[in-house]
Amino acid sequence: MDYFYYEGIPEASVLNGIIDLHEHVFEGSQLREKKLAEKENLIIFVACDRERVVGFKIGYKYSSDTFYSWLGGVHTDYRGNGIASELMRRQHEFIKSLGYIKVRTISRNIKREMLILNIKFGFNVIETFVSEKGKHKIVLEKGL
């Protein structure tokens, strides 16, 4: 497995791999390049099996000292191999080197694997809320 990171939007072949994988992981939900371009200090980590993007972790600046880990996922064929953990480890190490002191994320109870991974990595639940679409959300944060 090869791991790469990009500050900003990656080249087309990687971007298309991320968009396709996002649709697979989030069951048809589409990620648009325009939405990525709107994010300040966008950082994307990817896991690749040869040329194929099989995992990603996307985040951006939330505040001067906090990074927001926004989206992530691993293809179902590759789950259980530590890819999500490695992407998270690399993301946290890198953003710490940039001067961030906290990382924040939002998860859902139905995404148990991600919620458990966040807790294993030291995240604490700091609040919950119900989105405009009526979905229960869990806000987690950890110090770097």
N, C-alpha and C. Protein backbone atom coordinates (compact mmCIF):
# COMPACT_ATOMS: atom_id res chain seq x y z
N MET A 1 0.85 -1.18 0.00
CA MET A 1 0.00 0.00 0.00
C MET A 1 0.90 1.24 0.00
N ASP A 2 0.57 2.18 -0.84
CA ASP A 2 1.29 3.44 -0.90
C ASP A 2 0.39 4.55 -0.36
N TYR A 3 1.00 5.48 0.37
CA TYR A 3 0.27 6.60 0.96
C TYR A 3 0.85 7.90 0.42
N PHE A 4 -0.04 8.83 0.11
CA PHE A 4 0.35 10.13 -0.41
C PHE A 4 -0.49 11.21 0.26
N TYR A 5 0.02 12.42 0.24
CA TYR A 5 -0.81 13.53 0.71
C TYR A 5 -0.70 14.69 -0.27
N TYR A 6 -1.72 15.52 -0.25
CA TYR A 6 -1.82 16.67 -1.14
C TYR A 6 -2.30 17.87 -0.34
N GLU A 7 -1.65 18.96 -0.53
CA GLU A 7 -2.13 20.22 0.03
C GLU A 7 -2.87 20.91 -1.10
N GLY A 8 -4.18 20.90 -1.03
CA GLY A 8 -5.01 21.38 -2.12
C GLY A 8 -5.53 20.21 -2.93
N ILE A 9 -6.11 20.51 -4.05
CA ILE A 9 -6.74 19.49 -4.89
C ILE A 9 -5.67 18.73 -5.68
N PRO A 10 -5.70 17.39 -5.63
CA PRO A 10 -4.70 16.60 -6.35
C PRO A 10 -4.96 16.56 -7.86
N GLU A 11 -4.01 15.96 -8.58
CA GLU A 11 -4.17 15.82 -10.03
C GLU A 11 -5.42 14.99 -10.35
N ALA A 12 -5.88 15.12 -11.58
CA ALA A 12 -7.17 14.56 -12.00
C ALA A 12 -7.33 13.08 -11.71
N SER A 13 -6.31 12.27 -11.96
CA SER A 13 -6.45 10.83 -11.77
C SER A 13 -6.71 10.49 -10.30
N VAL A 14 -6.02 11.16 -9.39
CA VAL A 14 -6.24 10.93 -7.96
C VAL A 14 -7.59 11.51 -7.53
N LEU A 15 -7.89 12.70 -7.98
CA LEU A 15 -9.17 13.33 -7.64
C LEU A 15 -10.33 12.45 -8.09
N ASN A 16 -10.28 11.94 -9.30
CA ASN A 16 -11.35 11.07 -9.80
C ASN A 16 -11.46 9.79 -8.97
N GLY A 17 -10.32 9.25 -8.52
CA GLY A 17 -10.32 8.08 -7.66
C GLY A 17 -10.99 8.37 -6.32
N ILE A 18 -10.71 9.56 -5.77
CA ILE A 18 -11.33 9.97 -4.50
C ILE A 18 -12.84 10.14 -4.69
N ILE A 19 -13.23 10.80 -5.76
CA ILE A 19 -14.66 11.04 -6.02
C ILE A 19 -15.40 9.71 -6.18
N ASP A 20 -14.82 8.77 -6.93
CA ASP A 20 -15.45 7.45 -7.11
C ASP A 20 -15.53 6.70 -5.79
N LEU A 21 -14.46 6.74 -5.01
CA LEU A 21 -14.46 6.04 -3.73
C LEU A 21 -15.44 6.68 -2.75
N HIS A 22 -15.52 7.99 -2.75
CA HIS A 22 -16.49 8.68 -1.89
C HIS A 22 -17.91 8.20 -2.20
N GLU A 23 -18.23 8.10 -3.48
CA GLU A 23 -19.56 7.64 -3.89
C GLU A 23 -19.81 6.21 -3.40
N HIS A 24 -18.78 5.36 -3.45
CA HIS A 24 -18.89 3.98 -2.97
C HIS A 24 -19.09 3.95 -1.45
N VAL A 25 -18.26 4.67 -0.73
CA VAL A 25 -18.29 4.66 0.74
C VAL A 25 -19.58 5.29 1.28
N PHE A 26 -19.99 6.40 0.67
CA PHE A 26 -21.15 7.13 1.16
C PHE A 26 -22.41 6.84 0.34
N GLU A 27 -22.45 5.66 -0.25
CA GLU A 27 -23.65 5.10 -0.89
C GLU A 27 -24.33 6.04 -1.85
N GLY A 28 -23.59 6.51 -2.84
CA GLY A 28 -24.17 7.32 -3.89
C GLY A 28 -24.02 8.81 -3.72
N SER A 29 -23.64 9.25 -2.54
CA SER A 29 -23.44 10.68 -2.31
C SER A 29 -22.26 11.16 -3.14
N GLN A 30 -22.42 12.31 -3.78
CA GLN A 30 -21.37 12.79 -4.68
C GLN A 30 -20.55 13.91 -4.05
N LEU A 31 -19.26 13.82 -4.24
CA LEU A 31 -18.32 14.84 -3.79
C LEU A 31 -17.94 15.66 -5.01
N ARG A 32 -18.05 16.96 -4.92
CA ARG A 32 -17.77 17.85 -6.04
C ARG A 32 -16.44 18.57 -5.83
N GLU A 33 -15.69 18.70 -6.91
CA GLU A 33 -14.42 19.42 -6.85
C GLU A 33 -14.62 20.84 -6.34
N LYS A 34 -15.72 21.47 -6.73
CA LYS A 34 -16.01 22.83 -6.29
C LYS A 34 -16.09 22.91 -4.77
N LYS A 35 -16.70 21.92 -4.14
CA LYS A 35 -16.83 21.88 -2.68
C LYS A 35 -15.45 21.78 -2.04
N LEU A 36 -14.57 20.98 -2.62
CA LEU A 36 -13.20 20.87 -2.11
C LEU A 36 -12.46 22.19 -2.25
N ALA A 37 -12.64 22.86 -3.37
CA ALA A 37 -11.92 24.10 -3.65
C ALA A 37 -12.31 25.22 -2.69
N GLU A 38 -13.48 25.12 -2.07
CA GLU A 38 -13.95 26.14 -1.13
C GLU A 38 -13.27 26.05 0.23
N LYS A 39 -12.59 24.94 0.52
CA LYS A 39 -12.03 24.69 1.85
C LYS A 39 -10.66 25.34 2.00
N GLU A 40 -10.48 26.05 3.12
CA GLU A 40 -9.21 26.72 3.40
C GLU A 40 -8.21 25.71 3.94
N ASN A 41 -7.00 25.74 3.38
CA ASN A 41 -5.91 24.84 3.79
C ASN A 41 -6.32 23.36 3.68
N LEU A 42 -6.89 23.00 2.55
CA LEU A 42 -7.33 21.64 2.28
C LEU A 42 -6.12 20.69 2.27
N ILE A 43 -6.26 19.58 3.00
CA ILE A 43 -5.22 18.55 3.02
C ILE A 43 -5.90 17.21 2.80
N ILE A 44 -5.38 16.45 1.84
CA ILE A 44 -5.96 15.16 1.48
C ILE A 44 -4.89 14.08 1.57
N PHE A 45 -5.19 13.02 2.31
CA PHE A 45 -4.34 11.84 2.36
C PHE A 45 -5.05 10.73 1.60
N VAL A 46 -4.28 9.95 0.84
CA VAL A 46 -4.86 8.82 0.12
C VAL A 46 -4.00 7.58 0.31
N ALA A 47 -4.68 6.45 0.25
CA ALA A 47 -4.03 5.14 0.22
C ALA A 47 -4.30 4.56 -1.15
N CYS A 48 -3.24 4.08 -1.80
CA CYS A 48 -3.39 3.54 -3.15
C CYS A 48 -2.83 2.13 -3.23
N ASP A 49 -3.57 1.28 -3.91
CA ASP A 49 -3.11 -0.05 -4.27
C ASP A 49 -2.77 0.05 -5.75
N ARG A 50 -1.50 0.17 -6.02
CA ARG A 50 -0.98 0.52 -7.35
C ARG A 50 -1.56 1.88 -7.75
N GLU A 51 -2.36 1.94 -8.77
CA GLU A 51 -2.92 3.21 -9.24
C GLU A 51 -4.32 3.49 -8.66
N ARG A 52 -4.87 2.52 -7.96
CA ARG A 52 -6.25 2.62 -7.47
C ARG A 52 -6.31 3.28 -6.08
N VAL A 53 -7.11 4.32 -5.95
CA VAL A 53 -7.35 4.95 -4.65
C VAL A 53 -8.30 4.04 -3.88
N VAL A 54 -7.82 3.53 -2.72
CA VAL A 54 -8.63 2.61 -1.92
C VAL A 54 -8.99 3.19 -0.55
N GLY A 55 -8.41 4.35 -0.23
CA GLY A 55 -8.74 5.02 1.02
C GLY A 55 -8.41 6.50 0.92
N PHE A 56 -9.14 7.31 1.68
CA PHE A 56 -8.86 8.75 1.69
C PHE A 56 -9.24 9.36 3.02
N LYS A 57 -8.63 10.47 3.34
CA LYS A 57 -8.93 11.26 4.54
C LYS A 57 -8.75 12.72 4.15
N ILE A 58 -9.82 13.49 4.24
CA ILE A 58 -9.83 14.87 3.79
C ILE A 58 -10.16 15.79 4.96
N GLY A 59 -9.41 16.88 5.06
CA GLY A 59 -9.70 17.85 6.11
C GLY A 59 -9.23 19.24 5.71
N TYR A 60 -9.52 20.20 6.59
CA TYR A 60 -9.17 21.58 6.29
C TYR A 60 -9.13 22.39 7.59
N LYS A 61 -8.69 23.61 7.47
CA LYS A 61 -8.58 24.50 8.62
C LYS A 61 -9.96 24.82 9.17
N TYR A 62 -10.14 24.59 10.47
CA TYR A 62 -11.39 24.91 11.15
C TYR A 62 -11.25 26.26 11.85
N SER A 63 -10.12 26.45 12.51
CA SER A 63 -9.78 27.71 13.15
C SER A 63 -8.26 27.81 13.19
N SER A 64 -7.74 28.85 13.78
CA SER A 64 -6.28 29.04 13.78
C SER A 64 -5.54 27.89 14.45
N ASP A 65 -6.18 27.22 15.43
CA ASP A 65 -5.47 26.14 16.12
C ASP A 65 -6.13 24.76 15.96
N THR A 66 -7.23 24.70 15.20
CA THR A 66 -7.99 23.45 15.08
C THR A 66 -8.16 23.06 13.61
N PHE A 67 -7.89 21.79 13.33
CA PHE A 67 -8.06 21.21 11.99
C PHE A 67 -9.35 20.39 12.02
N TYR A 68 -10.13 20.48 10.95
CA TYR A 68 -11.36 19.71 10.85
C TYR A 68 -11.15 18.52 9.92
N SER A 69 -11.22 17.32 10.47
CA SER A 69 -11.12 16.09 9.68
C SER A 69 -12.51 15.80 9.16
N TRP A 70 -12.73 16.11 7.89
CA TRP A 70 -14.05 16.21 7.31
C TRP A 70 -14.59 14.89 6.78
N LEU A 71 -13.88 14.29 5.84
CA LEU A 71 -14.36 13.08 5.17
C LEU A 71 -13.27 12.02 5.12
N GLY A 72 -13.69 10.78 5.17
CA GLY A 72 -12.73 9.69 5.03
C GLY A 72 -13.46 8.41 4.75
N GLY A 73 -12.73 7.48 4.19
CA GLY A 73 -13.32 6.17 3.92
C GLY A 73 -12.33 5.24 3.28
N VAL A 74 -12.66 3.96 3.37
CA VAL A 74 -11.85 2.90 2.77
C VAL A 74 -12.81 2.00 1.99
N HIS A 75 -12.39 1.59 0.81
CA HIS A 75 -13.21 0.69 -0.02
C HIS A 75 -13.50 -0.57 0.77
N THR A 76 -14.73 -1.08 0.64
CA THR A 76 -15.14 -2.27 1.40
C THR A 76 -14.20 -3.46 1.16
N ASP A 77 -13.63 -3.58 -0.02
CA ASP A 77 -12.72 -4.70 -0.31
C ASP A 77 -11.41 -4.61 0.46
N TYR A 78 -11.11 -3.44 1.02
CA TYR A 78 -9.82 -3.22 1.69
C TYR A 78 -9.96 -2.97 3.19
N ARG A 79 -11.16 -3.02 3.71
CA ARG A 79 -11.36 -2.76 5.13
C ARG A 79 -10.76 -3.88 5.98
N GLY A 80 -10.40 -3.53 7.20
CA GLY A 80 -9.83 -4.52 8.12
C GLY A 80 -8.33 -4.68 7.98
N ASN A 81 -7.70 -3.84 7.19
CA ASN A 81 -6.25 -3.93 6.96
C ASN A 81 -5.47 -2.77 7.58
N GLY A 82 -6.13 -1.97 8.40
CA GLY A 82 -5.44 -0.87 9.07
C GLY A 82 -5.25 0.38 8.23
N ILE A 83 -5.90 0.46 7.09
CA ILE A 83 -5.73 1.61 6.20
C ILE A 83 -6.29 2.88 6.83
N ALA A 84 -7.48 2.81 7.39
CA ALA A 84 -8.08 4.00 8.02
C ALA A 84 -7.21 4.49 9.18
N SER A 85 -6.70 3.56 9.97
CA SER A 85 -5.81 3.93 11.08
C SER A 85 -4.56 4.61 10.58
N GLU A 86 -3.98 4.09 9.54
CA GLU A 86 -2.74 4.68 9.00
C GLU A 86 -3.00 6.06 8.41
N LEU A 87 -4.11 6.22 7.72
CA LEU A 87 -4.45 7.54 7.18
C LEU A 87 -4.65 8.54 8.31
N MET A 88 -5.33 8.12 9.37
CA MET A 88 -5.56 9.02 10.50
C MET A 88 -4.24 9.36 11.19
N ARG A 89 -3.40 8.36 11.41
CA ARG A 89 -2.10 8.60 12.05
C ARG A 89 -1.28 9.60 11.26
N ARG A 90 -1.23 9.41 9.95
CA ARG A 90 -0.46 10.32 9.09
C ARG A 90 -1.05 11.73 9.10
N GLN A 91 -2.38 11.81 9.04
CA GLN A 91 -3.03 13.12 9.07
C GLN A 91 -2.68 13.86 10.36
N HIS A 92 -2.81 13.20 11.49
CA HIS A 92 -2.57 13.86 12.77
C HIS A 92 -1.11 14.28 12.91
N GLU A 93 -0.21 13.43 12.49
CA GLU A 93 1.21 13.76 12.55
C GLU A 93 1.52 14.99 11.69
N PHE A 94 0.96 15.04 10.50
CA PHE A 94 1.23 16.14 9.58
C PHE A 94 0.62 17.45 10.07
N ILE A 95 -0.64 17.42 10.50
CA ILE A 95 -1.26 18.67 10.91
C ILE A 95 -0.63 19.21 12.19
N LYS A 96 -0.14 18.32 13.03
CA LYS A 96 0.58 18.77 14.23
C LYS A 96 1.84 19.52 13.82
N SER A 97 2.53 19.02 12.78
CA SER A 97 3.75 19.69 12.30
C SER A 97 3.44 21.06 11.71
N LEU A 98 2.20 21.29 11.33
CA LEU A 98 1.79 22.59 10.78
C LEU A 98 1.38 23.57 11.88
N GLY A 99 1.35 23.11 13.12
CA GLY A 99 1.03 23.99 14.24
C GLY A 99 -0.37 23.86 14.80
N TYR A 100 -1.17 22.98 14.25
CA TYR A 100 -2.49 22.76 14.83
C TYR A 100 -2.33 22.07 16.18
N ILE A 101 -3.18 22.42 17.15
CA ILE A 101 -3.10 21.78 18.46
C ILE A 101 -4.31 20.90 18.77
N LYS A 102 -5.35 20.99 17.92
CA LYS A 102 -6.54 20.16 18.09
C LYS A 102 -7.03 19.69 16.73
N VAL A 103 -7.73 18.56 16.74
CA VAL A 103 -8.41 18.08 15.55
C VAL A 103 -9.84 17.75 15.96
N ARG A 104 -10.77 18.12 15.09
CA ARG A 104 -12.20 17.93 15.34
C ARG A 104 -12.79 17.13 14.18
N THR A 105 -13.81 16.36 14.49
CA THR A 105 -14.53 15.62 13.46
C THR A 105 -15.98 15.46 13.89
N ILE A 106 -16.81 15.08 12.96
CA ILE A 106 -18.21 14.78 13.25
C ILE A 106 -18.50 13.40 12.69
N SER A 107 -19.16 12.59 13.47
CA SER A 107 -19.49 11.24 13.06
C SER A 107 -20.97 10.97 13.34
N ARG A 108 -21.39 9.78 12.98
CA ARG A 108 -22.76 9.36 13.25
C ARG A 108 -22.73 8.00 13.92
N ASN A 109 -23.70 7.74 14.75
CA ASN A 109 -23.74 6.47 15.47
C ASN A 109 -23.85 5.28 14.52
N ILE A 110 -24.49 5.47 13.38
CA ILE A 110 -24.62 4.35 12.44
C ILE A 110 -23.30 4.02 11.73
N LYS A 111 -22.33 4.93 11.81
CA LYS A 111 -21.00 4.68 11.24
C LYS A 111 -20.08 4.20 12.37
N ARG A 112 -20.43 3.08 12.96
CA ARG A 112 -19.78 2.58 14.17
C ARG A 112 -18.28 2.40 14.02
N GLU A 113 -17.84 1.83 12.89
CA GLU A 113 -16.41 1.58 12.72
C GLU A 113 -15.61 2.87 12.84
N MET A 114 -16.12 3.94 12.23
CA MET A 114 -15.42 5.22 12.28
C MET A 114 -15.49 5.81 13.68
N LEU A 115 -16.61 5.70 14.31
CA LEU A 115 -16.77 6.22 15.67
C LEU A 115 -15.80 5.51 16.62
N ILE A 116 -15.71 4.20 16.52
CA ILE A 116 -14.79 3.42 17.36
C ILE A 116 -13.34 3.79 17.07
N LEU A 117 -13.00 3.95 15.79
CA LEU A 117 -11.63 4.34 15.43
C LEU A 117 -11.29 5.70 16.03
N ASN A 118 -12.21 6.65 15.95
CA ASN A 118 -11.97 7.97 16.53
C ASN A 118 -11.72 7.87 18.04
N ILE A 119 -12.51 7.08 18.72
CA ILE A 119 -12.34 6.92 20.16
C ILE A 119 -11.01 6.24 20.48
N LYS A 120 -10.65 5.23 19.70
CA LYS A 120 -9.35 4.56 19.90
C LYS A 120 -8.18 5.52 19.71
N PHE A 121 -8.35 6.52 18.85
CA PHE A 121 -7.30 7.50 18.59
C PHE A 121 -7.33 8.66 19.57
N GLY A 122 -8.17 8.57 20.60
CA GLY A 122 -8.15 9.56 21.67
C GLY A 122 -9.14 10.69 21.54
N PHE A 123 -10.05 10.61 20.60
CA PHE A 123 -11.08 11.64 20.49
C PHE A 123 -12.06 11.54 21.66
N ASN A 124 -12.59 12.67 22.06
CA ASN A 124 -13.63 12.74 23.08
C ASN A 124 -14.88 13.34 22.47
N VAL A 125 -16.03 12.82 22.87
CA VAL A 125 -17.30 13.40 22.44
C VAL A 125 -17.45 14.73 23.18
N ILE A 126 -17.66 15.81 22.42
CA ILE A 126 -17.82 17.12 23.06
C ILE A 126 -19.24 17.66 22.93
N GLU A 127 -20.00 17.13 21.97
CA GLU A 127 -21.41 17.51 21.85
C GLU A 127 -22.09 16.63 20.83
N THR A 128 -23.42 16.69 20.83
CA THR A 128 -24.22 16.02 19.81
C THR A 128 -25.26 17.01 19.33
N PHE A 129 -25.79 16.76 18.14
CA PHE A 129 -26.85 17.60 17.61
C PHE A 129 -27.61 16.84 16.54
N VAL A 130 -28.74 17.39 16.15
CA VAL A 130 -29.53 16.82 15.06
C VAL A 130 -29.42 17.77 13.88
N SER A 131 -29.00 17.25 12.74
CA SER A 131 -28.80 18.07 11.54
C SER A 131 -30.13 18.55 10.97
N GLU A 132 -30.03 19.45 10.00
CA GLU A 132 -31.23 19.94 9.32
C GLU A 132 -32.00 18.82 8.63
N LYS A 133 -31.28 17.74 8.28
CA LYS A 133 -31.91 16.59 7.63
C LYS A 133 -32.45 15.59 8.66
N GLY A 134 -32.35 15.93 9.96
CA GLY A 134 -32.87 15.07 11.00
C GLY A 134 -31.95 13.93 11.40
N LYS A 135 -30.67 14.02 11.05
CA LYS A 135 -29.71 12.96 11.39
C LYS A 135 -28.95 13.34 12.66
N HIS A 136 -28.81 12.37 13.56
CA HIS A 136 -28.07 12.59 14.80
C HIS A 136 -26.57 12.60 14.49
N LYS A 137 -25.88 13.62 14.98
CA LYS A 137 -24.45 13.79 14.73
C LYS A 137 -23.70 13.87 16.05
N ILE A 138 -22.48 13.38 16.04
CA ILE A 138 -21.63 13.35 17.21
C ILE A 138 -20.36 14.15 16.89
N VAL A 139 -20.10 15.19 17.67
CA VAL A 139 -18.91 16.01 17.48
C VAL A 139 -17.82 15.50 18.42
N LEU A 140 -16.65 15.20 17.84
CA LEU A 140 -15.53 14.69 18.61
C LEU A 140 -14.32 15.59 18.42
N GLU A 141 -13.48 15.65 19.44
CA GLU A 141 -12.29 16.48 19.35
C GLU A 141 -11.17 15.84 20.17
N LYS A 142 -9.93 16.10 19.78
CA LYS A 142 -8.78 15.63 20.54
C LYS A 142 -7.65 16.60 20.42
N GLY A 143 -6.81 16.63 21.45
CA GLY A 143 -5.59 17.43 21.39
C GLY A 143 -4.52 16.67 20.64
N LEU A 144 -3.69 17.42 19.95
CA LEU A 144 -2.58 16.80 19.24
C LEU A 144 -1.32 16.88 20.10
